[in-house]
């Protein structure tokens, strides 16, 4: 079923709510009240609820938008001439960018819960797995790592980066552990 076409003002309000929610969730994760997001967006709480029936639905929309950006970047790197460099640079960039956004950290670390958590970032995981496979085929990444391992390493790297912000040393140690001997 197709989504209804929104009026121009409704599209603008939805975009403002998403931008405000991204900022608020990045700082506070799911703990931020919807009223704070509405205030930050310059709209009433009713406007937020018209577009997003719950805080979880808004959170999902924000996270999916960011993961779609990550997925598009991974897709663009799929045919890079140096698969190893593309993989490692991308992995480090995702960790750095995601570590600054508590919502992304929470979403990537989610292992159970609502149905969207199982579906969230499917394209991101698929494109990341493509980069991983190409890097492994090129001999740049050890062959005993799979997509699930990589997801766990991302979550761990995010924890390291959040614990020790700005210090890329521990993330480099993690990346070195992925390299072939």
C-alpha atoms as a PDB file:
ATOM      1  CA  UNK A   1       0.000   0.000   0.000  1.00  0.00           C
ATOM      2  CA  UNK A   2       1.395   3.414  -0.966  1.00  0.00           C
ATOM      3  CA  UNK A   3       1.953   6.091   1.649  1.00  0.00           C
ATOM      4  CA  UNK A   4      -0.318   9.120   1.401  1.00  0.00           C
ATOM      5  CA  UNK A   5       1.278  12.201  -0.113  1.00  0.00           C
ATOM      6  CA  UNK A   6       1.877  14.843   2.539  1.00  0.00           C
ATOM      7  CA  UNK A   7       1.127  18.519   2.082  1.00  0.00           C
ATOM      8  CA  UNK A   8       4.187  20.768   1.827  1.00  0.00           C
ATOM      9  CA  UNK A   9       3.789  22.094   5.390  1.00  0.00           C
ATOM     10  CA  UNK A  10       3.380  18.568   6.745  1.00  0.00           C
ATOM     11  CA  UNK A  11       6.552  17.464   4.911  1.00  0.00           C
ATOM     12  CA  UNK A  12       8.436  20.427   6.394  1.00  0.00           C
ATOM     13  CA  UNK A  13       7.152  19.644   9.887  1.00  0.00           C
ATOM     14  CA  UNK A  14       8.090  15.980   9.518  1.00  0.00           C
ATOM     15  CA  UNK A  15      11.593  16.953   8.389  1.00  0.00           C
ATOM     16  CA  UNK A  16      11.936  19.357  11.342  1.00  0.00           C
ATOM     17  CA  UNK A  17      10.816  16.646  13.753  1.00  0.00           C
ATOM     18  CA  UNK A  18      13.304  14.156  12.272  1.00  0.00           C
ATOM     19  CA  UNK A  19      16.163  16.674  12.468  1.00  0.00           C
ATOM     20  CA  UNK A  20      15.308  17.579  16.063  1.00  0.00           C
ATOM     21  CA  UNK A  21      14.922  13.924  17.003  1.00  0.00           C
ATOM     22  CA  UNK A  22      18.271  13.053  15.453  1.00  0.00           C
ATOM     23  CA  UNK A  23      19.941  15.761  17.530  1.00  0.00           C
ATOM     24  CA  UNK A  24      18.121  14.779  20.720  1.00  0.00           C
ATOM     25  CA  UNK A  25      18.576  11.019  20.296  1.00  0.00           C
ATOM     26  CA  UNK A  26      22.254  11.510  19.442  1.00  0.00           C
ATOM     27  CA  UNK A  27      22.764  13.189  22.793  1.00  0.00           C
ATOM     28  CA  UNK A  28      20.375  11.244  25.039  1.00  0.00           C
ATOM     29  CA  UNK A  29      19.285   8.097  23.207  1.00  0.00           C
ATOM     30  CA  UNK A  30      15.785   6.846  23.914  1.00  0.00           C
ATOM     31  CA  UNK A  31      15.689   8.661  27.269  1.00  0.00           C
ATOM     32  CA  UNK A  32      14.709  11.968  25.635  1.00  0.00           C
ATOM     33  CA  UNK A  33      11.001  12.867  26.109  1.00  0.00           C
ATOM     34  CA  UNK A  34       8.911  13.436  22.974  1.00  0.00           C
ATOM     35  CA  UNK A  35       7.855  16.828  24.329  1.00  0.00           C
ATOM     36  CA  UNK A  36      11.512  17.906  24.270  1.00  0.00           C
ATOM     37  CA  UNK A  37      11.797  16.813  20.640  1.00  0.00           C
ATOM     38  CA  UNK A  38       8.628  18.724  19.735  1.00  0.00           C
ATOM     39  CA  UNK A  39       9.955  21.842  21.477  1.00  0.00           C
ATOM     40  CA  UNK A  40      13.319  21.516  19.725  1.00  0.00           C
ATOM     41  CA  UNK A  41      11.540  21.137  16.365  1.00  0.00           C
ATOM     42  CA  UNK A  42       9.326  24.138  17.050  1.00  0.00           C
ATOM     43  CA  UNK A  43       6.115  22.129  16.728  1.00  0.00           C
ATOM     44  CA  UNK A  44       3.475  20.842  19.101  1.00  0.00           C
ATOM     45  CA  UNK A  45       3.509  17.352  20.542  1.00  0.00           C
ATOM     46  CA  UNK A  46       0.432  16.549  18.436  1.00  0.00           C
ATOM     47  CA  UNK A  47       2.424  17.179  15.274  1.00  0.00           C
ATOM     48  CA  UNK A  48       5.043  14.684  16.412  1.00  0.00           C
ATOM     49  CA  UNK A  49       2.379  12.071  17.163  1.00  0.00           C
ATOM     50  CA  UNK A  50       0.647  12.626  13.809  1.00  0.00           C
ATOM     51  CA  UNK A  51       3.851  11.635  12.010  1.00  0.00           C
ATOM     52  CA  UNK A  52       5.176   9.092  14.521  1.00  0.00           C
ATOM     53  CA  UNK A  53       2.762   7.116  16.719  1.00  0.00           C
ATOM     54  CA  UNK A  54       5.403   6.471  19.399  1.00  0.00           C
ATOM     55  CA  UNK A  55       8.858   7.487  20.498  1.00  0.00           C
ATOM     56  CA  UNK A  56      10.109   4.100  19.299  1.00  0.00           C
ATOM     57  CA  UNK A  57       8.702   4.769  15.813  1.00  0.00           C
ATOM     58  CA  UNK A  58      10.468   8.130  15.710  1.00  0.00           C
ATOM     59  CA  UNK A  59      13.684   6.557  16.994  1.00  0.00           C
ATOM     60  CA  UNK A  60      13.409   3.882  14.306  1.00  0.00           C
ATOM     61  CA  UNK A  61      12.942   6.492  11.574  1.00  0.00           C
ATOM     62  CA  UNK A  62      15.995   8.460  12.742  1.00  0.00           C
ATOM     63  CA  UNK A  63      18.210   5.395  13.031  1.00  0.00           C
ATOM     64  CA  UNK A  64      17.060   3.941   9.709  1.00  0.00           C
ATOM     65  CA  UNK A  65      17.828   7.222   7.964  1.00  0.00           C
ATOM     66  CA  UNK A  66      21.397   7.232   9.331  1.00  0.00           C
ATOM     67  CA  UNK A  67      21.963   3.548   8.606  1.00  0.00           C
ATOM     68  CA  UNK A  68      20.722   4.111   5.053  1.00  0.00           C
ATOM     69  CA  UNK A  69      23.448   6.746   4.701  1.00  0.00           C
ATOM     70  CA  UNK A  70      26.027   4.254   6.003  1.00  0.00           C
ATOM     71  CA  UNK A  71      24.655   1.619   3.597  1.00  0.00           C
ATOM     72  CA  UNK A  72      24.859   3.975   0.615  1.00  0.00           C
ATOM     73  CA  UNK A  73      28.469   4.778   1.456  1.00  0.00           C
ATOM     74  CA  UNK A  74      29.341   1.066   1.727  1.00  0.00           C
ATOM     75  CA  UNK A  75      27.575   0.404  -1.569  1.00  0.00           C
ATOM     76  CA  UNK A  76      29.598   3.152  -3.253  1.00  0.00           C
ATOM     77  CA  UNK A  77      32.804   1.475  -2.006  1.00  0.00           C
ATOM     78  CA  UNK A  78      31.822  -2.017  -3.189  1.00  0.00           C
ATOM     79  CA  UNK A  79      33.921  -1.722  -6.357  1.00  0.00           C
ATOM     80  CA  UNK A  80      36.840   0.200  -4.861  1.00  0.00           C
ATOM     81  CA  UNK A  81      40.163  -0.698  -6.477  1.00  0.00           C
ATOM     82  CA  UNK A  82      41.710  -1.558  -3.073  1.00  0.00           C
ATOM     83  CA  UNK A  83      39.103  -3.585  -1.128  1.00  0.00           C
ATOM     84  CA  UNK A  84      41.254  -3.766   2.011  1.00  0.00           C
ATOM     85  CA  UNK A  85      41.747  -0.016   2.289  1.00  0.00           C
ATOM     86  CA  UNK A  86      38.070   0.588   1.469  1.00  0.00           C
ATOM     87  CA  UNK A  87      36.991  -1.830   4.220  1.00  0.00           C
ATOM     88  CA  UNK A  88      39.310  -0.527   6.944  1.00  0.00           C
ATOM     89  CA  UNK A  89      38.716   3.155   6.165  1.00  0.00           C
ATOM     90  CA  UNK A  90      34.962   2.596   6.086  1.00  0.00           C
ATOM     91  CA  UNK A  91      34.966   0.580   9.319  1.00  0.00           C
ATOM     92  CA  UNK A  92      36.938   3.300  11.137  1.00  0.00           C
ATOM     93  CA  UNK A  93      34.663   6.038   9.734  1.00  0.00           C
ATOM     94  CA  UNK A  94      31.498   4.212  10.838  1.00  0.00           C
ATOM     95  CA  UNK A  95      32.909   3.776  14.350  1.00  0.00           C
ATOM     96  CA  UNK A  96      33.906   7.433  14.586  1.00  0.00           C
ATOM     97  CA  UNK A  97      30.582   8.772  13.273  1.00  0.00           C
ATOM     98  CA  UNK A  98      28.388   6.299  15.162  1.00  0.00           C
ATOM     99  CA  UNK A  99      30.238   6.851  18.438  1.00  0.00           C
ATOM    100  CA  UNK A 100      29.073  10.459  18.386  1.00  0.00           C
ATOM    101  CA  UNK A 101      25.443   9.347  18.160  1.00  0.00           C
ATOM    102  CA  UNK A 102      23.996   7.494  21.139  1.00  0.00           C
ATOM    103  CA  UNK A 103      20.922   6.458  19.137  1.00  0.00           C
ATOM    104  CA  UNK A 104      23.063   4.676  16.542  1.00  0.00           C
ATOM    105  CA  UNK A 105      25.109   3.007  19.288  1.00  0.00           C
ATOM    106  CA  UNK A 106      21.926   1.764  20.958  1.00  0.00           C
ATOM    107  CA  UNK A 107      20.466   0.517  17.676  1.00  0.00           C
ATOM    108  CA  UNK A 108      23.614  -1.279  16.550  1.00  0.00           C
ATOM    109  CA  UNK A 109      23.982  -2.854  19.981  1.00  0.00           C
ATOM    110  CA  UNK A 110      20.368  -4.065  20.130  1.00  0.00           C
ATOM    111  CA  UNK A 111      20.138  -7.835  19.955  1.00  0.00           C
ATOM    112  CA  UNK A 112      16.583  -8.447  21.086  1.00  0.00           C
ATOM    113  CA  UNK A 113      13.340  -6.573  21.348  1.00  0.00           C
ATOM    114  CA  UNK A 114      10.859  -5.190  18.889  1.00  0.00           C
ATOM    115  CA  UNK A 115      10.580  -6.460  15.350  1.00  0.00           C
ATOM    116  CA  UNK A 116      12.252  -3.399  13.867  1.00  0.00           C
ATOM    117  CA  UNK A 117      15.490  -4.246  15.668  1.00  0.00           C
ATOM    118  CA  UNK A 118      15.661  -7.454  13.653  1.00  0.00           C
ATOM    119  CA  UNK A 119      15.064  -5.526  10.429  1.00  0.00           C
ATOM    120  CA  UNK A 120      17.022  -2.379  11.199  1.00  0.00           C
ATOM    121  CA  UNK A 121      19.983  -1.794   9.008  1.00  0.00           C
ATOM    122  CA  UNK A 122      19.532  -4.834   6.762  1.00  0.00           C
ATOM    123  CA  UNK A 123      20.978  -2.942   3.805  1.00  0.00           C
ATOM    124  CA  UNK A 124      23.809  -1.634   6.004  1.00  0.00           C
ATOM    125  CA  UNK A 125      24.712  -5.158   7.131  1.00  0.00           C
ATOM    126  CA  UNK A 126      24.454  -6.515   3.585  1.00  0.00           C
ATOM    127  CA  UNK A 127      26.704  -3.822   2.127  1.00  0.00           C
ATOM    128  CA  UNK A 128      29.167  -4.119   5.007  1.00  0.00           C
ATOM    129  CA  UNK A 129      29.293  -7.878   4.412  1.00  0.00           C
ATOM    130  CA  UNK A 130      30.080  -7.193   0.751  1.00  0.00           C
ATOM    131  CA  UNK A 131      33.002  -4.966   1.764  1.00  0.00           C
ATOM    132  CA  UNK A 132      34.167  -7.639   4.209  1.00  0.00           C
ATOM    133  CA  UNK A 133      33.998 -10.430   1.617  1.00  0.00           C
ATOM    134  CA  UNK A 134      35.873  -8.372  -0.974  1.00  0.00           C
ATOM    135  CA  UNK A 135      38.559  -7.478   1.576  1.00  0.00           C
ATOM    136  CA  UNK A 136      38.862 -11.137   2.600  1.00  0.00           C
ATOM    137  CA  UNK A 137      39.131 -12.233  -1.039  1.00  0.00           C
ATOM    138  CA  UNK A 138      41.895  -9.658  -1.506  1.00  0.00           C
ATOM    139  CA  UNK A 139      43.710 -11.139   1.516  1.00  0.00           C
ATOM    140  CA  UNK A 140      43.380  -7.973   3.613  1.00  0.00           C
ATOM    141  CA  UNK A 141      41.025  -9.355   6.279  1.00  0.00           C
ATOM    142  CA  UNK A 142      41.405 -12.669   8.068  1.00  0.00           C
ATOM    143  CA  UNK A 143      39.098 -15.337   6.606  1.00  0.00           C
ATOM    144  CA  UNK A 144      37.633 -16.545   9.919  1.00  0.00           C
ATOM    145  CA  UNK A 145      35.544 -13.385  10.446  1.00  0.00           C
ATOM    146  CA  UNK A 146      31.898 -13.354   9.373  1.00  0.00           C
ATOM    147  CA  UNK A 147      29.166 -10.733   9.376  1.00  0.00           C
ATOM    148  CA  UNK A 148      27.990 -11.599  12.897  1.00  0.00           C
ATOM    149  CA  UNK A 149      31.544 -11.325  14.191  1.00  0.00           C
ATOM    150  CA  UNK A 150      31.897  -7.974  12.472  1.00  0.00           C
ATOM    151  CA  UNK A 151      28.672  -6.675  14.036  1.00  0.00           C
ATOM    152  CA  UNK A 152      29.938  -7.703  17.490  1.00  0.00           C
ATOM    153  CA  UNK A 153      33.260  -5.987  16.777  1.00  0.00           C
ATOM    154  CA  UNK A 154      31.452  -2.813  15.724  1.00  0.00           C
ATOM    155  CA  UNK A 155      29.488  -2.785  18.981  1.00  0.00           C
ATOM    156  CA  UNK A 156      32.697  -3.372  20.927  1.00  0.00           C
ATOM    157  CA  UNK A 157      34.541  -0.675  19.011  1.00  0.00           C
ATOM    158  CA  UNK A 158      31.694   1.751  19.694  1.00  0.00           C
ATOM    159  CA  UNK A 159      31.986   1.024  23.405  1.00  0.00           C
ATOM    160  CA  UNK A 160      35.756   1.558  23.237  1.00  0.00           C
ATOM    161  CA  UNK A 161      35.347   4.830  21.351  1.00  0.00           C
ATOM    162  CA  UNK A 162      32.688   6.104  23.751  1.00  0.00           C
ATOM    163  CA  UNK A 163      34.814   5.081  26.751  1.00  0.00           C
ATOM    164  CA  UNK A 164      37.945   6.675  25.351  1.00  0.00           C
ATOM    165  CA  UNK A 165      36.708   9.431  22.994  1.00  0.00           C
ATOM    166  CA  UNK A 166      39.164  10.849  20.527  1.00  0.00           C
ATOM    167  CA  UNK A 167      41.749   8.138  21.137  1.00  0.00           C
ATOM    168  CA  UNK A 168      41.918   6.050  18.004  1.00  0.00           C
ATOM    169  CA  UNK A 169      44.581   3.781  19.528  1.00  0.00           C
ATOM    170  CA  UNK A 170      42.206   1.074  20.751  1.00  0.00           C
ATOM    171  CA  UNK A 171      40.165   1.122  17.544  1.00  0.00           C
ATOM    172  CA  UNK A 172      43.419   0.688  15.592  1.00  0.00           C
ATOM    173  CA  UNK A 173      44.289  -2.277  17.820  1.00  0.00           C
ATOM    174  CA  UNK A 174      40.895  -3.803  17.007  1.00  0.00           C
ATOM    175  CA  UNK A 175      41.385  -3.188  13.276  1.00  0.00           C
ATOM    176  CA  UNK A 176      44.854  -4.729  13.446  1.00  0.00           C
ATOM    177  CA  UNK A 177      43.226  -7.849  14.883  1.00  0.00           C
ATOM    178  CA  UNK A 178      41.171  -8.159  11.687  1.00  0.00           C
ATOM    179  CA  UNK A 179      44.213  -8.081   9.429  1.00  0.00           C
ATOM    180  CA  UNK A 180      45.653 -11.254   7.973  1.00  0.00           C
ATOM    181  CA  UNK A 181      48.967 -12.308   9.431  1.00  0.00           C
END
